[in-house]
Amino acid sequence: MTIAGMKIWRRLRFLLLPFSLIYWLVISLRNLFYDFGIFRIKTLPRPVISVGNITAGGTGKTPMVEWIAKFLSQMGKNVAILSRGYGRRTEGFVLVSDGNRIFSGADECGDEPFQMALKSVDKGLNWIIAVCENRFEAGRKLLEKFEIDVFILDDAFQRRDINRDVDILLIDDESVKEFLIPAGLKREPMSSLKRADVVCVQGLEGWSAFERYIRGENVVRCVFGYKLLEIRKFFDYILLEKPFEGKKVIAFSGIGKHKNFLKLLKDNKFLILKDFEFPDHYRYSKDDIKRIIRQMELVGAEIVLTTEKDYARLYEMKDLKDFPFFYSVIEVEFYSGGEELKQKILGLVR
């Protein structure tokens, strides 16, 4: 959906509330069937960590998956990441990376798995990454070829057909206010939080809006955000040196929440002269890039700055190496609960 289309949908979404009621009924029945064993849940012969949310996009699942995978890799564990590969132009099983090489681009595997593969190979993290609609079958295929200690499921809170040993749910305060699909972006009602073993709230606002939905004293509660690690030039290892204060930039992104990207840049003292917002998982055309470059020249910006996910989507546009295009590299940081989450993971893989 285009940005204009999203704005129209937001204004008219109350008309869709009757369909959201039907959606709630279907989702509630589906969850009951899983709870009572009517629907089968399959189990992989390795520990499984799931990372997901209850809204469509924008809660930072990929950085959290990367944080967990990096933590496990630094412990010497062989990590495999399984994703559906949203937005790809292929179907079925695709091996994205064997930990040393990348076999698929963003069009074949999706922008987020490709982003993780680029990071893994660049940093020597050796993550095995695959995409498939059926993540259980993908896991079995990987076990036939690789030594794997632990699986991480990306965006899998709703995929209840595969067993997980730790179920991590990411959420922010906007999730409480959202309607269910199709009148809103919420995939499940707030009552679904009771399934989570770990609940990670994004932002310093904390727990006031969520505590009543969480059941059990053993649920790990985290509050997290993101920190800017570095600004890297497209197709190069050149870093934009600090200080960033007053650096004149054109900013653009096609992610779940463009405003979060802008906030990150403002918090790091960039001077945003102009920004462009594109839909999540957007496929950029050469005309889009020409428009951004023209705007950069018009307003006198020093660089063009985007996200790591957008860089993954633009990876085939090698001509951009001749322009001052940079992307931000971020990492999860915990304000509380980070050590408890580490202990939860350690208890699974020791």
Protein backbone atom coordinates (compact mmCIF):
# COMPACT_ATOMS: atom_id res chain seq x y z
CA MET A 1 0.00 0.00 0.00
CA THR A 2 1.26 3.49 -0.85
CA ILE A 3 1.72 6.18 1.82
CA ALA A 4 -1.28 8.04 0.36
CA GLY A 5 -3.29 4.84 0.46
CA MET A 6 -2.37 4.33 4.12
CA LYS A 7 -3.63 7.81 4.98
CA ILE A 8 -6.96 7.18 3.23
CA TRP A 9 -7.27 3.80 4.96
CA ARG A 10 -6.62 5.44 8.35
CA ARG A 11 -9.46 7.90 7.78
CA LEU A 12 -11.94 5.25 6.64
CA ARG A 13 -10.91 2.33 8.82
CA PHE A 14 -13.93 2.61 11.15
CA LEU A 15 -16.00 1.26 8.27
CA LEU A 16 -13.96 -1.95 8.49
CA LEU A 17 -14.65 -2.64 12.17
CA PRO A 18 -17.35 -5.28 11.45
CA PHE A 19 -14.73 -7.24 9.47
CA SER A 20 -12.28 -6.87 12.36
CA LEU A 21 -14.89 -8.54 14.58
CA ILE A 22 -15.02 -11.48 12.17
CA TYR A 23 -11.21 -11.57 12.12
CA TRP A 24 -11.16 -11.63 15.95
CA LEU A 25 -13.52 -14.60 15.96
CA VAL A 26 -11.38 -16.55 13.47
CA ILE A 27 -8.12 -15.79 15.33
CA SER A 28 -9.67 -16.69 18.70
CA LEU A 29 -10.90 -20.04 17.39
CA ARG A 30 -7.53 -20.75 15.79
CA ASN A 31 -5.71 -20.08 19.07
CA LEU A 32 -8.16 -22.26 20.98
CA PHE A 33 -7.58 -25.13 18.54
CA TYR A 34 -3.83 -24.86 19.16
CA ASP A 35 -4.32 -24.53 22.94
CA PHE A 36 -6.40 -27.72 23.08
CA GLY A 37 -4.22 -29.72 20.66
CA ILE A 38 -6.73 -29.86 17.82
CA PHE A 39 -4.19 -28.27 15.51
CA ARG A 40 -0.85 -30.08 15.42
CA ILE A 41 2.35 -28.42 16.63
CA LYS A 42 5.60 -29.81 15.17
CA THR A 43 8.91 -29.84 17.05
CA LEU A 44 12.41 -29.45 15.64
CA PRO A 45 15.16 -31.51 17.35
CA ARG A 46 17.04 -28.37 18.45
CA PRO A 47 16.17 -25.46 20.73
CA VAL A 48 13.97 -22.85 19.05
CA ILE A 49 13.70 -19.14 19.89
CA SER A 50 10.87 -17.19 18.30
CA VAL A 51 10.84 -13.39 17.88
CA GLY A 52 7.59 -11.72 16.86
CA ASN A 53 4.96 -9.09 17.56
CA ILE A 54 1.20 -8.62 17.45
CA THR A 55 1.13 -5.79 14.92
CA ALA A 56 2.12 -5.63 11.26
CA GLY A 57 5.61 -4.14 11.12
CA GLY A 58 7.50 -1.46 12.96
CA THR A 59 8.56 -3.00 16.29
CA GLY A 60 12.14 -3.85 15.35
CA LYS A 61 12.06 -7.64 15.07
CA THR A 62 15.10 -7.85 12.79
CA PRO A 63 17.49 -5.94 15.12
CA MET A 64 16.31 -8.13 18.00
CA VAL A 65 16.92 -11.30 15.97
CA GLU A 66 20.39 -9.97 15.14
CA TRP A 67 21.11 -9.20 18.81
CA ILE A 68 20.10 -12.71 19.91
CA ALA A 69 22.00 -14.37 17.05
CA LYS A 70 25.14 -12.34 17.81
CA PHE A 71 24.92 -13.21 21.51
CA LEU A 72 24.66 -16.92 20.67
CA SER A 73 27.44 -16.77 18.07
CA GLN A 74 29.78 -15.15 20.58
CA MET A 75 29.10 -18.15 22.84
CA GLY A 76 30.34 -20.43 20.05
CA LYS A 77 26.89 -21.71 19.07
CA ASN A 78 25.94 -22.55 15.49
CA VAL A 79 22.92 -20.35 14.76
CA ALA A 80 20.31 -20.82 12.05
CA ILE A 81 17.76 -18.10 11.31
CA LEU A 82 14.47 -19.05 9.64
CA SER A 83 12.25 -16.44 8.02
CA ARG A 84 9.22 -16.44 5.79
CA GLY A 85 11.01 -13.99 3.49
CA TYR A 86 8.28 -11.37 3.26
CA GLY A 87 8.14 -9.51 -0.06
CA ARG A 88 10.35 -11.92 -2.02
CA ARG A 89 9.63 -12.90 -5.60
CA THR A 90 10.23 -16.61 -5.05
CA GLU A 91 8.37 -19.44 -3.36
CA GLY A 92 9.43 -22.42 -1.31
CA PHE A 93 12.76 -23.04 0.37
CA VAL A 94 15.66 -20.70 -0.39
CA LEU A 95 19.07 -20.93 1.27
CA VAL A 96 20.19 -17.35 1.79
CA SER A 97 23.57 -17.96 3.43
CA ASP A 98 25.64 -20.88 4.71
CA GLY A 99 27.40 -18.54 7.11
CA ASN A 100 30.29 -17.81 4.78
CA ARG A 101 28.67 -16.98 1.45
CA ILE A 102 25.45 -15.34 0.30
CA PHE A 103 23.46 -17.18 -2.35
CA SER A 104 20.37 -15.01 -2.74
CA GLY A 105 19.59 -11.32 -3.15
CA ALA A 106 16.77 -9.31 -1.64
CA ASP A 107 14.38 -10.16 -4.50
CA GLU A 108 14.92 -13.89 -3.98
CA CYS A 109 14.82 -14.02 -0.18
CA GLY A 110 13.36 -10.72 1.08
CA ASP A 111 15.09 -7.60 2.33
CA GLU A 112 15.38 -8.55 6.01
CA PRO A 113 16.98 -12.01 5.53
CA PHE A 114 19.37 -10.44 3.00
CA GLN A 115 20.21 -7.68 5.47
CA MET A 116 21.05 -10.27 8.12
CA ALA A 117 23.14 -12.27 5.65
CA LEU A 118 25.16 -9.19 4.70
CA LYS A 119 25.84 -8.46 8.36
CA SER A 120 26.72 -12.05 9.19
CA VAL A 121 29.26 -12.41 6.38
CA ASP A 122 30.70 -8.92 6.97
CA LYS A 123 31.21 -9.52 10.70
CA GLY A 124 32.15 -13.20 10.47
CA LEU A 125 29.19 -14.29 12.58
CA ASN A 126 28.50 -17.45 10.51
CA TRP A 127 24.71 -17.36 10.69
CA ILE A 128 22.98 -19.92 8.49
CA ILE A 129 19.91 -18.21 7.02
CA ALA A 130 17.02 -19.69 5.05
CA VAL A 131 13.53 -18.61 4.03
CA CYS A 132 10.46 -20.75 3.52
CA GLU A 133 6.72 -20.51 4.08
CA ASN A 134 7.02 -23.76 6.09
CA ARG A 135 9.73 -23.04 8.65
CA PHE A 136 9.55 -26.55 10.13
CA GLU A 137 10.48 -28.09 6.77
CA ALA A 138 13.17 -25.43 6.30
CA GLY A 139 14.67 -26.39 9.64
CA ARG A 140 14.70 -30.07 8.71
CA LYS A 141 16.43 -29.31 5.41
CA LEU A 142 19.12 -27.27 7.15
CA LEU A 143 19.76 -30.05 9.67
CA GLU A 144 20.50 -32.41 6.77
CA LYS A 145 23.39 -30.17 5.65
CA PHE A 146 24.63 -28.21 8.65
CA GLU A 147 25.56 -28.56 12.30
CA ILE A 148 23.03 -26.37 14.11
CA ASP A 149 22.78 -25.72 17.84
CA VAL A 150 19.79 -23.37 17.92
CA PHE A 151 17.13 -22.00 15.58
CA ILE A 152 15.81 -18.44 15.65
CA LEU A 153 12.41 -17.85 14.03
CA ASP A 154 11.98 -14.33 12.65
CA ASP A 155 8.44 -12.92 12.89
CA ALA A 156 6.85 -16.13 14.14
CA PHE A 157 4.61 -15.27 17.09
CA GLN A 158 1.54 -16.16 14.99
CA ARG A 159 3.15 -19.31 13.49
CA ARG A 160 1.92 -21.66 16.17
CA ASP A 161 2.38 -24.76 14.04
CA ILE A 162 6.05 -24.98 15.12
CA ASN A 163 7.06 -25.44 18.75
CA ARG A 164 9.31 -22.86 20.38
CA ASP A 165 11.23 -23.12 23.63
CA VAL A 166 11.36 -19.35 24.18
CA ASP A 167 8.66 -17.11 22.72
CA ILE A 168 9.76 -13.45 22.59
CA LEU A 169 7.17 -10.78 21.88
CA LEU A 170 8.06 -7.18 20.96
CA ILE A 171 5.50 -4.47 21.53
CA ASP A 172 5.16 -0.70 21.81
CA ASP A 173 2.55 1.62 23.25
CA GLU A 174 0.89 2.15 19.85
CA SER A 175 -0.06 -1.54 19.75
CA VAL A 176 -2.59 -1.04 22.56
CA LYS A 177 -4.46 1.60 20.56
CA GLU A 178 -4.54 -0.33 17.27
CA PHE A 179 -7.64 -2.08 15.95
CA LEU A 180 -7.48 -5.63 14.68
CA ILE A 181 -6.95 -6.28 10.98
CA PRO A 182 -8.40 -4.99 8.63
CA ALA A 183 -9.46 -1.84 10.51
CA GLY A 184 -6.01 -1.66 12.11
CA LEU A 185 -2.60 -3.26 12.09
CA LYS A 186 -3.05 -5.58 15.04
CA ARG A 187 -2.66 -9.26 14.16
CA GLU A 188 -3.98 -10.57 17.49
CA PRO A 189 -5.82 -9.18 20.53
CA MET A 190 -3.79 -8.03 23.53
CA SER A 191 -4.84 -11.16 25.41
CA SER A 192 -2.35 -13.09 23.25
CA LEU A 193 0.49 -11.62 25.31
CA LYS A 194 -0.15 -14.42 27.80
CA ARG A 195 1.60 -16.85 25.40
CA ALA A 196 4.92 -14.98 25.56
CA ASP A 197 7.85 -16.12 27.70
CA VAL A 198 9.57 -12.76 27.19
CA VAL A 199 7.83 -9.43 26.57
CA CYS A 200 10.02 -6.59 25.29
CA VAL A 201 8.49 -3.13 25.39
CA GLN A 202 10.02 -0.58 23.03
CA GLY A 203 10.64 2.84 24.54
CA LEU A 204 11.12 4.34 27.96
CA GLU A 205 7.40 4.65 28.64
CA GLY A 206 7.62 1.23 30.28
CA TRP A 207 5.00 -1.21 31.44
CA SER A 208 1.93 0.71 32.53
CA ALA A 209 -0.06 -0.10 29.37
CA PHE A 210 0.84 -3.82 29.24
CA GLU A 211 1.13 -5.30 32.72
CA ARG A 212 -2.52 -6.32 32.97
CA TYR A 213 -2.19 -8.50 29.85
CA ILE A 214 0.81 -10.50 31.09
CA ARG A 215 0.29 -13.61 33.16
CA GLY A 216 2.83 -15.48 35.25
CA GLU A 217 5.71 -14.45 37.46
CA ASN A 218 8.24 -16.21 35.21
CA VAL A 219 7.68 -13.93 32.23
CA VAL A 220 10.83 -11.93 31.51
CA ARG A 221 10.03 -8.22 31.16
CA CYS A 222 12.38 -6.02 29.14
CA VAL A 223 12.38 -2.38 28.10
CA PHE A 224 14.54 -1.68 25.04
CA GLY A 225 15.45 0.80 22.36
CA TYR A 226 18.12 1.22 19.70
CA LYS A 227 21.48 2.89 19.58
CA LEU A 228 23.30 4.12 16.50
CA LEU A 229 26.53 2.17 16.06
CA GLU A 230 27.89 3.71 12.87
CA ILE A 231 27.10 5.37 9.56
CA ARG A 232 28.55 3.44 6.63
CA LYS A 233 28.90 4.38 2.97
CA PHE A 234 27.14 2.25 0.38
CA PHE A 235 29.31 -0.63 -0.93
CA ASP A 236 32.31 0.45 1.14
CA TYR A 237 33.85 0.32 4.59
CA ILE A 238 34.14 4.09 4.84
CA LEU A 239 32.52 5.35 8.02
CA LEU A 240 31.06 8.78 8.50
CA GLU A 241 33.10 10.19 11.36
CA LYS A 242 31.55 11.80 14.41
CA PRO A 243 30.47 14.33 15.49
CA PHE A 244 27.18 14.10 13.63
CA GLU A 245 25.90 17.34 15.10
CA GLY A 246 24.82 19.72 12.36
CA LYS A 247 25.56 17.25 9.54
CA LYS A 248 23.13 18.21 6.76
CA VAL A 249 21.30 15.19 5.42
CA ILE A 250 18.50 14.00 3.20
CA ALA A 251 16.84 11.08 4.98
CA PHE A 252 14.65 8.40 3.39
CA SER A 253 13.32 5.00 4.38
CA GLY A 254 10.81 2.32 3.47
CA ILE A 255 10.30 0.69 6.87
CA GLY A 256 7.41 0.10 9.24
CA LYS A 257 7.84 3.36 11.14
CA HIS A 258 9.69 6.11 9.29
CA LYS A 259 9.24 8.44 12.25
CA ASN A 260 11.43 6.18 14.41
CA PHE A 261 14.26 6.50 11.90
CA LEU A 262 13.93 10.29 11.91
CA LYS A 263 13.94 10.32 15.72
CA LEU A 264 17.15 8.27 15.75
CA LEU A 265 18.84 10.79 13.46
CA LYS A 266 17.59 13.79 15.44
CA ASP A 267 18.72 12.21 18.71
CA ASN A 268 22.19 11.94 17.16
CA LYS A 269 22.13 15.62 16.16
CA PHE A 270 21.81 15.24 12.39
CA LEU A 271 20.23 18.21 10.63
CA ILE A 272 17.50 16.77 8.39
CA LEU A 273 16.88 19.15 5.51
CA LYS A 274 14.35 16.91 3.76
CA ASP A 275 12.98 13.42 4.27
CA PHE A 276 11.17 10.92 2.05
CA GLU A 277 8.87 8.23 3.40
CA PHE A 278 8.19 5.09 1.35
CA PRO A 279 6.02 2.06 2.17
CA ASP A 280 7.54 -0.82 4.13
CA HIS A 281 9.51 -3.27 1.93
CA TYR A 282 9.34 -0.77 -0.95
CA ARG A 283 11.17 -1.59 -4.17
CA TYR A 284 12.96 1.55 -5.29
CA SER A 285 13.08 2.63 -8.91
CA LYS A 286 15.81 4.64 -10.56
CA ASP A 287 13.36 7.53 -10.76
CA ASP A 288 12.99 7.45 -6.96
CA ILE A 289 16.75 7.69 -6.55
CA LYS A 290 17.05 10.48 -9.12
CA ARG A 291 14.42 12.44 -7.20
CA ILE A 292 16.34 12.03 -3.96
CA ILE A 293 19.63 13.08 -5.58
CA ARG A 294 18.00 16.13 -7.14
CA GLN A 295 16.63 17.12 -3.74
CA MET A 296 20.07 16.64 -2.17
CA GLU A 297 21.60 19.03 -4.69
CA LEU A 298 18.74 21.49 -4.39
CA VAL A 299 18.87 21.90 -0.60
CA GLY A 300 22.64 21.58 -0.24
CA ALA A 301 22.73 18.38 1.82
CA GLU A 302 26.10 16.79 2.52
CA ILE A 303 24.90 13.19 2.40
CA VAL A 304 21.85 11.00 1.81
CA LEU A 305 21.09 8.73 4.75
CA THR A 306 18.86 5.66 4.95
CA THR A 307 18.46 2.44 6.96
CA GLU A 308 20.33 -0.84 6.78
CA LYS A 309 17.17 -2.53 5.56
CA ASP A 310 16.84 -0.04 2.69
CA TYR A 311 20.49 -0.54 1.82
CA ALA A 312 19.76 -4.26 1.43
CA ARG A 313 17.00 -3.38 -1.05
CA LEU A 314 19.27 -1.02 -2.98
CA TYR A 315 22.21 -3.41 -3.05
CA GLU A 316 21.92 -4.09 -6.78
CA MET A 317 22.10 -0.36 -7.66
CA LYS A 318 25.89 -0.33 -7.75
CA ASP A 319 25.98 3.13 -9.38
CA LEU A 320 25.14 4.58 -5.97
CA LYS A 321 28.76 4.05 -4.93
CA ASP A 322 29.54 7.25 -6.86
CA PHE A 323 27.15 9.29 -4.68
CA PRO A 324 27.29 10.20 -0.98
CA PHE A 325 24.73 7.56 0.04
CA PHE A 326 25.16 6.22 3.59
CA TYR A 327 23.16 3.87 5.80
CA SER A 328 22.77 3.67 9.56
CA VAL A 329 23.77 0.59 11.53
CA ILE A 330 21.80 0.18 14.75
CA GLU A 331 21.80 -2.26 17.63
CA VAL A 332 19.33 -3.12 20.37
CA GLU A 333 20.07 -1.67 23.79
CA PHE A 334 18.20 -2.66 26.94
CA TYR A 335 17.09 -0.18 29.57
CA SER A 336 15.97 -3.04 31.81
CA GLY A 337 15.61 -6.81 31.63
CA GLY A 338 18.55 -7.44 29.30
CA GLU A 339 20.46 -9.64 31.75
CA GLU A 340 17.32 -11.63 32.52
CA LEU A 341 16.83 -12.25 28.81
CA LYS A 342 20.44 -13.45 28.48
CA GLN A 343 19.90 -15.87 31.35
CA LYS A 344 16.72 -17.16 29.71
CA ILE A 345 18.65 -17.86 26.51
CA LEU A 346 21.60 -19.39 28.37
CA GLY A 347 19.26 -21.76 30.16
CA LEU A 348 18.12 -23.01 26.78
CA VAL A 349 21.45 -23.62 25.03
CA ARG A 350 23.96 -24.55 27.76
